[in-house]
C-alpha atoms as a PDB file:
ATOM      1  CA  MET A   1      87.188  93.200  44.748  1.00  0.00           C
ATOM      2  CA  MET A   2      88.325  93.330  48.367  1.00  0.00           C
ATOM      3  CA  THR A   3      87.537  96.563  50.178  1.00  0.00           C
ATOM      4  CA  THR A   4      89.373  98.039  53.154  1.00  0.00           C
ATOM      5  CA  ALA A   5      86.621  96.723  55.425  1.00  0.00           C
ATOM      6  CA  ASP A   6      87.088  93.215  53.972  1.00  0.00           C
ATOM      7  CA  ALA A   7      90.858  93.204  54.428  1.00  0.00           C
ATOM      8  CA  PRO A   8      92.149  90.991  57.245  1.00  0.00           C
ATOM      9  CA  ALA A   9      93.580  92.707  60.295  1.00  0.00           C
ATOM     10  CA  ALA A  10      97.344  93.017  60.289  1.00  0.00           C
ATOM     11  CA  MET A  11      99.089  90.407  62.374  1.00  0.00           C
ATOM     12  CA  PRO A  12     101.185  91.834  65.220  1.00  0.00           C
ATOM     13  CA  ASP A  13     104.954  91.640  64.926  1.00  0.00           C
ATOM     14  CA  VAL A  14     106.594  89.050  67.161  1.00  0.00           C
ATOM     15  CA  ALA A  15     110.128  89.718  68.381  1.00  0.00           C
ATOM     16  CA  LEU A  16     112.555  87.515  70.275  1.00  0.00           C
ATOM     17  CA  ILE A  17     113.339  89.494  73.442  1.00  0.00           C
ATOM     18  CA  PRO A  18     116.024  88.541  76.005  1.00  0.00           C
ATOM     19  CA  LEU A  19     114.484  87.484  79.319  1.00  0.00           C
ATOM     20  CA  ASP A  20     116.804  89.709  81.329  1.00  0.00           C
ATOM     21  CA  GLN A  21     115.357  92.758  79.551  1.00  0.00           C
ATOM     22  CA  ILE A  22     111.768  92.013  80.700  1.00  0.00           C
ATOM     23  CA  GLN A  23     110.448  93.007  84.102  1.00  0.00           C
ATOM     24  CA  LEU A  24     107.090  92.096  85.651  1.00  0.00           C
ATOM     25  CA  HIS A  25     104.384  94.752  85.854  1.00  0.00           C
ATOM     26  CA  HIS A  26     103.696  95.763  89.477  1.00  0.00           C
ATOM     27  CA  GLY A  27      99.936  95.979  88.789  1.00  0.00           C
ATOM     28  CA  ARG A  28      99.650  92.535  87.203  1.00  0.00           C
ATOM     29  CA  PRO A  29      96.535  90.567  88.242  1.00  0.00           C
ATOM     30  CA  ARG A  30      98.326  87.299  89.016  1.00  0.00           C
ATOM     31  CA  ARG A  31      99.513  87.110  92.625  1.00  0.00           C
ATOM     32  CA  ARG A  32     100.177  83.363  92.956  1.00  0.00           C
ATOM     33  CA  VAL A  33     102.003  80.919  90.721  1.00  0.00           C
ATOM     34  CA  TYR A  34     101.403  77.283  91.625  1.00  0.00           C
ATOM     35  CA  GLU A  35     104.460  75.056  91.338  1.00  0.00           C
ATOM     36  CA  GLU A  36     102.704  72.041  89.823  1.00  0.00           C
ATOM     37  CA  GLU A  37     101.035  74.164  87.147  1.00  0.00           C
ATOM     38  CA  LEU A  38     104.304  75.901  86.275  1.00  0.00           C
ATOM     39  CA  ALA A  39     106.096  72.547  85.975  1.00  0.00           C
ATOM     40  CA  ALA A  40     103.348  71.219  83.684  1.00  0.00           C
ATOM     41  CA  LEU A  41     103.513  74.339  81.500  1.00  0.00           C
ATOM     42  CA  ALA A  42     107.296  74.086  81.225  1.00  0.00           C
ATOM     43  CA  SER A  43     106.993  70.454  80.125  1.00  0.00           C
ATOM     44  CA  SER A  44     104.380  71.409  77.527  1.00  0.00           C
ATOM     45  CA  ILE A  45     106.521  74.224  76.123  1.00  0.00           C
ATOM     46  CA  GLU A  46     109.551  71.933  76.001  1.00  0.00           C
ATOM     47  CA  ALA A  47     107.542  69.350  74.045  1.00  0.00           C
ATOM     48  CA  PHE A  48     105.462  71.550  71.720  1.00  0.00           C
ATOM     49  CA  GLY A  49     107.052  74.979  71.829  1.00  0.00           C
ATOM     50  CA  LEU A  50     105.449  78.281  72.821  1.00  0.00           C
ATOM     51  CA  LEU A  51     102.037  78.451  71.114  1.00  0.00           C
ATOM     52  CA  GLN A  52     101.185  81.989  72.290  1.00  0.00           C
ATOM     53  CA  PRO A  53     103.786  84.758  72.661  1.00  0.00           C
ATOM     54  CA  VAL A  54     103.865  86.937  75.757  1.00  0.00           C
ATOM     55  CA  VAL A  55     102.836  90.600  75.493  1.00  0.00           C
ATOM     56  CA  VAL A  56     105.244  93.366  76.487  1.00  0.00           C
ATOM     57  CA  ARG A  57     105.572  97.110  76.116  1.00  0.00           C
ATOM     58  CA  GLN A  58     108.785  99.017  75.748  1.00  0.00           C
ATOM     59  CA  THR A  59     109.649 101.250  78.703  1.00  0.00           C
ATOM     60  CA  ALA A  60     113.154 102.319  77.755  1.00  0.00           C
ATOM     61  CA  ARG A  61     115.847 101.437  75.263  1.00  0.00           C
ATOM     62  CA  GLN A  62     116.227  97.646  75.417  1.00  0.00           C
ATOM     63  CA  ARG A  63     113.929  97.423  78.463  1.00  0.00           C
ATOM     64  CA  TYR A  64     110.411  95.971  78.486  1.00  0.00           C
ATOM     65  CA  GLU A  65     107.523  95.498  80.882  1.00  0.00           C
ATOM     66  CA  LEU A  66     105.474  92.302  80.793  1.00  0.00           C
ATOM     67  CA  LEU A  67     101.762  92.911  80.178  1.00  0.00           C
ATOM     68  CA  ALA A  68     100.573  89.326  79.750  1.00  0.00           C
ATOM     69  CA  GLY A  69     102.095  85.869  80.031  1.00  0.00           C
ATOM     70  CA  GLU A  70     103.788  85.703  83.431  1.00  0.00           C
ATOM     71  CA  ARG A  71     103.642  81.897  83.685  1.00  0.00           C
ATOM     72  CA  ARG A  72     104.997  81.505  80.161  1.00  0.00           C
ATOM     73  CA  LEU A  73     107.881  83.821  81.035  1.00  0.00           C
ATOM     74  CA  LEU A  74     108.657  81.901  84.246  1.00  0.00           C
ATOM     75  CA  ALA A  75     108.475  78.579  82.372  1.00  0.00           C
ATOM     76  CA  PHE A  76     111.000  79.857  79.810  1.00  0.00           C
ATOM     77  CA  ARG A  77     113.327  80.862  82.623  1.00  0.00           C
ATOM     78  CA  ARG A  78     112.925  77.456  84.210  1.00  0.00           C
ATOM     79  CA  LEU A  79     113.857  75.790  80.913  1.00  0.00           C
ATOM     80  CA  GLY A  80     117.014  77.906  80.706  1.00  0.00           C
ATOM     81  CA  HIS A  81     116.068  79.872  77.592  1.00  0.00           C
ATOM     82  CA  GLY A  82     117.691  83.260  77.132  1.00  0.00           C
ATOM     83  CA  ALA A  83     114.910  84.912  75.126  1.00  0.00           C
ATOM     84  CA  ILE A  84     111.171  84.571  74.525  1.00  0.00           C
ATOM     85  CA  PRO A  85     108.847  85.413  71.588  1.00  0.00           C
ATOM     86  CA  ALA A  86     106.864  88.542  72.482  1.00  0.00           C
ATOM     87  CA  VAL A  87     104.296  90.850  70.935  1.00  0.00           C
ATOM     88  CA  LEU A  88     104.875  94.555  71.478  1.00  0.00           C
ATOM     89  CA  GLY A  89     101.661  95.916  72.961  1.00  0.00           C
ATOM     90  CA  SER A  90     100.383  99.251  74.124  1.00  0.00           C
ATOM     91  CA  GLY A  91      97.710 100.503  76.501  1.00  0.00           C
ATOM     92  CA  VAL A  92      97.521 100.512  80.259  1.00  0.00           C
ATOM     93  CA  GLY A  93      99.269  97.528  81.829  1.00  0.00           C
ATOM     94  CA  PRO A  94      96.690  96.331  84.386  1.00  0.00           C
ATOM     95  CA  GLU A  95      93.834  96.485  81.879  1.00  0.00           C
ATOM     96  CA  VAL A  96      95.738  94.521  79.242  1.00  0.00           C
ATOM     97  CA  SER A  97      96.880  91.910  81.765  1.00  0.00           C
ATOM     98  CA  LEU A  98      93.409  91.447  83.228  1.00  0.00           C
ATOM     99  CA  VAL A  99      91.641  91.079  79.893  1.00  0.00           C
ATOM    100  CA  GLU A 100      94.272  88.651  78.604  1.00  0.00           C
ATOM    101  CA  ASN A 101      93.995  86.493  81.710  1.00  0.00           C
ATOM    102  CA  LEU A 102      90.199  86.605  81.591  1.00  0.00           C
ATOM    103  CA  GLN A 103      90.188  85.432  78.001  1.00  0.00           C
ATOM    104  CA  ARG A 104      92.406  82.526  79.049  1.00  0.00           C
ATOM    105  CA  GLN A 105      90.350  81.981  82.252  1.00  0.00           C
ATOM    106  CA  ASP A 106      93.737  82.071  83.938  1.00  0.00           C
ATOM    107  CA  LEU A 107      93.168  83.733  87.341  1.00  0.00           C
ATOM    108  CA  ASP A 108      91.844  82.240  90.548  1.00  0.00           C
ATOM    109  CA  PRO A 109      88.817  83.995  92.138  1.00  0.00           C
ATOM    110  CA  LEU A 110      90.879  85.962  94.682  1.00  0.00           C
ATOM    111  CA  GLU A 111      93.327  87.230  92.056  1.00  0.00           C
ATOM    112  CA  LEU A 112      90.431  88.178  89.821  1.00  0.00           C
ATOM    113  CA  SER A 113      88.582  90.021  92.593  1.00  0.00           C
ATOM    114  CA  GLU A 114      91.692  91.932  93.635  1.00  0.00           C
ATOM    115  CA  ALA A 115      92.390  92.873  89.999  1.00  0.00           C
ATOM    116  CA  LEU A 116      88.866  94.244  89.549  1.00  0.00           C
ATOM    117  CA  HIS A 117      89.254  96.285  92.740  1.00  0.00           C
ATOM    118  CA  ARG A 118      92.503  97.751  91.413  1.00  0.00           C
ATOM    119  CA  LEU A 119      90.695  98.805  88.237  1.00  0.00           C
ATOM    120  CA  ALA A 120      87.963 100.414  90.365  1.00  0.00           C
ATOM    121  CA  ALA A 121      90.610 102.204  92.438  1.00  0.00           C
ATOM    122  CA  LYS A 122      91.960 103.724  89.202  1.00  0.00           C
ATOM    123  CA  GLY A 123      88.596 105.392  88.654  1.00  0.00           C
ATOM    124  CA  HIS A 124      86.854 102.849  86.412  1.00  0.00           C
ATOM    125  CA  ALA A 125      83.122 102.627  87.174  1.00  0.00           C
ATOM    126  CA  ARG A 126      81.561  99.177  87.532  1.00  0.00           C
ATOM    127  CA  GLU A 127      79.794  99.564  84.176  1.00  0.00           C
ATOM    128  CA  ALA A 128      83.107 100.384  82.500  1.00  0.00           C
ATOM    129  CA  ILE A 129      84.817  97.414  84.143  1.00  0.00           C
ATOM    130  CA  ALA A 130      82.004  95.136  82.945  1.00  0.00           C
ATOM    131  CA  ARG A 131      82.476  96.362  79.357  1.00  0.00           C
ATOM    132  CA  MET A 132      86.239  96.069  79.656  1.00  0.00           C
ATOM    133  CA  VAL A 133      86.148  92.406  80.663  1.00  0.00           C
ATOM    134  CA  GLY A 134      83.115  91.499  78.544  1.00  0.00           C
ATOM    135  CA  ARG A 135      80.896  90.543  81.488  1.00  0.00           C
ATOM    136  CA  GLY A 136      77.716  91.836  83.138  1.00  0.00           C
ATOM    137  CA  LYS A 137      77.582  94.189  86.124  1.00  0.00           C
ATOM    138  CA  THR A 138      76.125  91.409  88.286  1.00  0.00           C
ATOM    139  CA  TRP A 139      79.095  89.158  87.502  1.00  0.00           C
ATOM    140  CA  VAL A 140      81.505  91.995  88.340  1.00  0.00           C
ATOM    141  CA  GLY A 141      79.747  92.614  91.669  1.00  0.00           C
ATOM    142  CA  ASP A 142      79.762  88.904  92.540  1.00  0.00           C
ATOM    143  CA  VAL A 143      83.503  88.710  91.898  1.00  0.00           C
ATOM    144  CA  MET A 144      84.442  91.966  93.626  1.00  0.00           C
ATOM    145  CA  VAL A 145      82.748  90.981  96.913  1.00  0.00           C
ATOM    146  CA  ILE A 146      85.203  88.060  97.225  1.00  0.00           C
ATOM    147  CA  ALA A 147      87.961  90.528  98.162  1.00  0.00           C
ATOM    148  CA  THR A 148      86.062  91.317 101.395  1.00  0.00           C
ATOM    149  CA  LEU A 149      86.540  87.790 102.771  1.00  0.00           C
ATOM    150  CA  PRO A 150      88.398  87.465 106.102  1.00  0.00           C
ATOM    151  CA  ASP A 151      92.186  87.237 105.759  1.00  0.00           C
ATOM    152  CA  VAL A 152      92.281  83.673 107.093  1.00  0.00           C
ATOM    153  CA  ILE A 153      90.082  82.487 104.221  1.00  0.00           C
ATOM    154  CA  LYS A 154      92.247  84.331 101.709  1.00  0.00           C
ATOM    155  CA  ARG A 155      95.384  82.693 103.126  1.00  0.00           C
ATOM    156  CA  GLU A 156      93.905  79.200 103.089  1.00  0.00           C
ATOM    157  CA  PHE A 157      92.094  79.350  99.749  1.00  0.00           C
ATOM    158  CA  PRO A 158      95.057  78.442  97.484  1.00  0.00           C
ATOM    159  CA  ALA A 159      95.339  75.026  99.158  1.00  0.00           C
ATOM    160  CA  HIS A 160      91.635  74.338  98.497  1.00  0.00           C
ATOM    161  CA  ARG A 161      91.143  76.130  95.184  1.00  0.00           C
ATOM    162  CA  ARG A 162      90.373  72.959  93.234  1.00  0.00           C
ATOM    163  CA  HIS A 163      87.135  72.173  95.060  1.00  0.00           C
ATOM    164  CA  VAL A 164      85.985  75.605  96.295  1.00  0.00           C
ATOM    165  CA  SER A 165      84.323  77.450  93.420  1.00  0.00           C
ATOM    166  CA  ARG A 166      84.072  81.165  92.769  1.00  0.00           C
ATOM    167  CA  SER A 167      80.292  81.006  93.306  1.00  0.00           C
ATOM    168  CA  LEU A 168      80.806  79.410  96.711  1.00  0.00           C
ATOM    169  CA  LEU A 169      83.319  82.087  97.732  1.00  0.00           C
ATOM    170  CA  THR A 170      80.815  84.756  96.657  1.00  0.00           C
ATOM    171  CA  GLU A 171      78.090  83.270  98.870  1.00  0.00           C
ATOM    172  CA  ILE A 172      80.446  83.133 101.863  1.00  0.00           C
ATOM    173  CA  ALA A 173      81.612  86.712 101.269  1.00  0.00           C
ATOM    174  CA  ARG A 174      78.030  88.014 101.131  1.00  0.00           C
ATOM    175  CA  VAL A 175      77.272  86.750 104.652  1.00  0.00           C
ATOM    176  CA  ASN A 176      78.856  89.920 106.161  1.00  0.00           C
ATOM    177  CA  HIS A 177      79.251  88.198 109.550  1.00  0.00           C
ATOM    178  CA  GLU A 178      82.743  86.806 110.163  1.00  0.00           C
ATOM    179  CA  PRO A 179      81.922  83.974 112.615  1.00  0.00           C
ATOM    180  CA  ALA A 180      79.326  82.623 110.185  1.00  0.00           C
ATOM    181  CA  GLN A 181      81.767  83.036 107.284  1.00  0.00           C
ATOM    182  CA  LEU A 182      84.469  81.052 109.075  1.00  0.00           C
ATOM    183  CA  ALA A 183      82.010  78.272 109.962  1.00  0.00           C
ATOM    184  CA  MET A 184      80.969  78.037 106.302  1.00  0.00           C
ATOM    185  CA  TRP A 185      84.597  78.047 105.206  1.00  0.00           C
ATOM    186  CA  GLU A 186      85.406  75.067 107.438  1.00  0.00           C
ATOM    187  CA  LEU A 187      82.623  73.131 105.722  1.00  0.00           C
ATOM    188  CA  ALA A 188      83.737  74.286 102.275  1.00  0.00           C
ATOM    189  CA  LYS A 189      87.328  73.152 102.878  1.00  0.00           C
ATOM    190  CA  ARG A 190      86.085  69.628 103.554  1.00  0.00           C
ATOM    191  CA  GLY A 191      83.862  69.640 100.495  1.00  0.00           C
ATOM    192  CA  GLY A 192      80.752  69.652 102.667  1.00  0.00           C
ATOM    193  CA  LEU A 193      79.137  72.871 101.421  1.00  0.00           C
ATOM    194  CA  THR A 194      77.290  73.422  98.153  1.00  0.00           C
ATOM    195  CA  VAL A 195      76.368  76.797  96.687  1.00  0.00           C
ATOM    196  CA  ARG A 196      72.691  76.136  97.447  1.00  0.00           C
ATOM    197  CA  ALA A 197      73.453  75.227 101.061  1.00  0.00           C
ATOM    198  CA  ALA A 198      75.696  78.294 101.406  1.00  0.00           C
ATOM    199  CA  ARG A 199      72.893  80.507 100.098  1.00  0.00           C
ATOM    200  CA  GLU A 200      70.499  79.078 102.686  1.00  0.00           C
ATOM    201  CA  ARG A 201      73.058  79.549 105.460  1.00  0.00           C
ATOM    202  CA  ARG A 202      73.503  83.152 104.332  1.00  0.00           C
ATOM    203  CA  ARG A 203      69.765  83.755 104.678  1.00  0.00           C
ATOM    204  CA  GLN A 204      69.760  82.137 108.113  1.00  0.00           C
ATOM    205  CA  ALA A 205      72.752  84.192 109.251  1.00  0.00           C
ATOM    206  CA  ALA A 206      71.039  87.387 108.136  1.00  0.00           C
ATOM    207  CA  ALA A 207      67.852  86.450 110.011  1.00  0.00           C
ATOM    208  CA  GLU A 208      69.748  85.563 113.200  1.00  0.00           C
ATOM    209  CA  ARG A 209      71.908  88.706 113.358  1.00  0.00           C
ATOM    210  CA  PRO A 210      70.717  91.209 115.975  1.00  0.00           C
ATOM    211  CA  VAL A 211      68.961  94.234 114.532  1.00  0.00           C
ATOM    212  CA  THR A 212      70.950  97.413 115.203  1.00  0.00           C
ATOM    213  CA  TRP A 213      70.058 101.018 114.493  1.00  0.00           C
ATOM    214  CA  PRO A 214      72.376 101.237 111.429  1.00  0.00           C
ATOM    215  CA  ARG A 215      70.878  98.039 109.950  1.00  0.00           C
ATOM    216  CA  ALA A 216      67.322  99.212 110.616  1.00  0.00           C
ATOM    217  CA  ILE A 217      67.995 102.651 109.120  1.00  0.00           C
ATOM    218  CA  ALA A 218      69.620 101.093 106.027  1.00  0.00           C
ATOM    219  CA  ALA A 219      66.551  98.898 105.524  1.00  0.00           C
ATOM    220  CA  ALA A 220      64.256 101.908 105.975  1.00  0.00           C
ATOM    221  CA  ARG A 221      66.237 103.863 103.377  1.00  0.00           C
ATOM    222  CA  ARG A 222      65.866 101.042 100.895  1.00  0.00           C
ATOM    223  CA  ALA A 223      62.117 100.980 101.535  1.00  0.00           C
ATOM    224  CA  THR A 224      61.726 104.748 101.162  1.00  0.00           C
ATOM    225  CA  GLY A 225      63.772 104.588  97.976  1.00  0.00           C
ATOM    226  CA  VAL A 226      61.181 102.214  96.534  1.00  0.00           C
ATOM    227  CA  LEU A 227      58.337 104.464  97.711  1.00  0.00           C
ATOM    228  CA  ALA A 228      60.023 107.482  96.133  1.00  0.00           C
ATOM    229  CA  ARG A 229      59.684 105.884  92.703  1.00  0.00           C
ATOM    230  CA  LEU A 230      55.869 105.939  92.949  1.00  0.00           C
ATOM    231  CA  GLU A 231      54.266 108.387  90.563  1.00  0.00           C
ATOM    232  CA  PRO A 232      52.136 110.967  92.435  1.00  0.00           C
ATOM    233  CA  ALA A 233      49.491 110.820  89.699  1.00  0.00           C
ATOM    234  CA  GLY A 234      49.681 107.073  89.293  1.00  0.00           C
ATOM    235  CA  GLU A 235      47.448 104.320  90.674  1.00  0.00           C
ATOM    236  CA  PRO A 236      45.162 105.621  93.482  1.00  0.00           C
ATOM    237  CA  LEU A 237      46.208 104.670  97.007  1.00  0.00           C
ATOM    238  CA  ALA A 238      43.905 101.990  98.390  1.00  0.00           C
ATOM    239  CA  GLU A 239      42.510 102.536 101.884  1.00  0.00           C
ATOM    240  CA  SER A 240      44.298  99.457 103.222  1.00  0.00           C
ATOM    241  CA  ASP A 241      47.625 100.663 101.781  1.00  0.00           C
ATOM    242  CA  ARG A 242      47.063 104.112 103.311  1.00  0.00           C
ATOM    243  CA  ASP A 243      46.407 102.494 106.704  1.00  0.00           C
ATOM    244  CA  ALA A 244      49.620 100.455 106.340  1.00  0.00           C
ATOM    245  CA  LEU A 245      51.670 103.593 105.613  1.00  0.00           C
ATOM    246  CA  LEU A 246      50.104 105.426 108.551  1.00  0.00           C
ATOM    247  CA  ASP A 247      50.895 102.466 110.809  1.00  0.00           C
ATOM    248  CA  LEU A 248      54.495 102.542 109.588  1.00  0.00           C
ATOM    249  CA  ARG A 249      54.714 106.262 110.392  1.00  0.00           C
ATOM    250  CA  ARG A 250      53.330 105.663 113.893  1.00  0.00           C
ATOM    251  CA  ARG A 251      55.933 102.936 114.467  1.00  0.00           C
ATOM    252  CA  ILE A 252      58.764 105.235 113.403  1.00  0.00           C
ATOM    253  CA  ASP A 253      57.432 108.040 115.603  1.00  0.00           C
ATOM    254  CA  ALA A 254      57.216 105.625 118.551  1.00  0.00           C
ATOM    255  CA  LEU A 255      60.826 104.471 117.970  1.00  0.00           C
ATOM    256  CA  LEU A 256      62.058 108.069 117.843  1.00  0.00           C
ATOM    257  CA  GLY A 257      60.088 108.926 120.971  1.00  0.00           C
ATOM    258  CA  GLY A 258      61.567 105.973 122.846  1.00  0.00           C
ATOM    259  CA  ALA A 259      65.106 106.856 121.691  1.00  0.00           C
ATOM    260  CA  ASP A 260      64.653 110.501 122.765  1.00  0.00           C
ATOM    261  CA  ALA A 261      63.310 109.410 126.159  1.00  0.00           C
ATOM    262  CA  ALA A 262      66.265 107.046 126.681  1.00  0.00           C
ATOM    263  CA  ARG A 263      68.755 109.777 125.729  1.00  0.00           C
ATOM    264  CA  GLY A 264      67.042 112.179 128.142  1.00  0.00           C
ATOM    265  CA  ALA A 265      67.227 109.634 130.964  1.00  0.00           C
ATOM    266  CA  VAL A 266      70.948 109.162 130.378  1.00  0.00           C
ATOM    267  CA  GLY A 267      71.507 112.915 130.474  1.00  0.00           C
ATOM    268  CA  THR A 268      69.759 113.420 133.849  1.00  0.00           C
END
């Protein structure tokens, strides 16, 4: 006997909706539609039909908003069709569109990064975004950093998207030094930069950058954060470790003394 738990999930209703009644969602993740890919999709639909309906939600009487399937909708328009099979969905538009495109692996790295940032801007924590898209927090962080790339790289990426991977863009974005990023990008455009080489260049760029007070203080905060996790009643402090901590304190005191003396000299 089949129980309620054993029963198959109900299939969603598919309706034929006129194209002129569907508008694109302003928060959709896709920002670029490549002509050659759209032409290929239109040819496939013409030959085999639409294998997956688009997803829409009703916004008013006889008006709909597209949640997923922008390229399929554009291909139908290109073919001159007046209506398209669609599933009536619900939920928040950007979330539905992002998840659908992720499941189809249908966004380029920049579109994906920008979409994740829009979810974060709506108040979703990184952990929630990771659950939403079915990925780990590390993956989410690696993708989100891509949005910090210089504008020139973002503009040029679409022309080189076929041989510049998401992992390579992540390594370039993590350099945090624009001249070094642009130099790496020039190599990447010509296919002369691997992820391993980019990682090594990132380490070199970090080592060569001048040490400033903000960078030094940030590093010190990270170190003190680690020290703060030590249990007071834990492993006894070895004499050599105590000497190392005292030496670190003397160095910090000397830096503060030098800074105070320099500030005093400027004020006289």
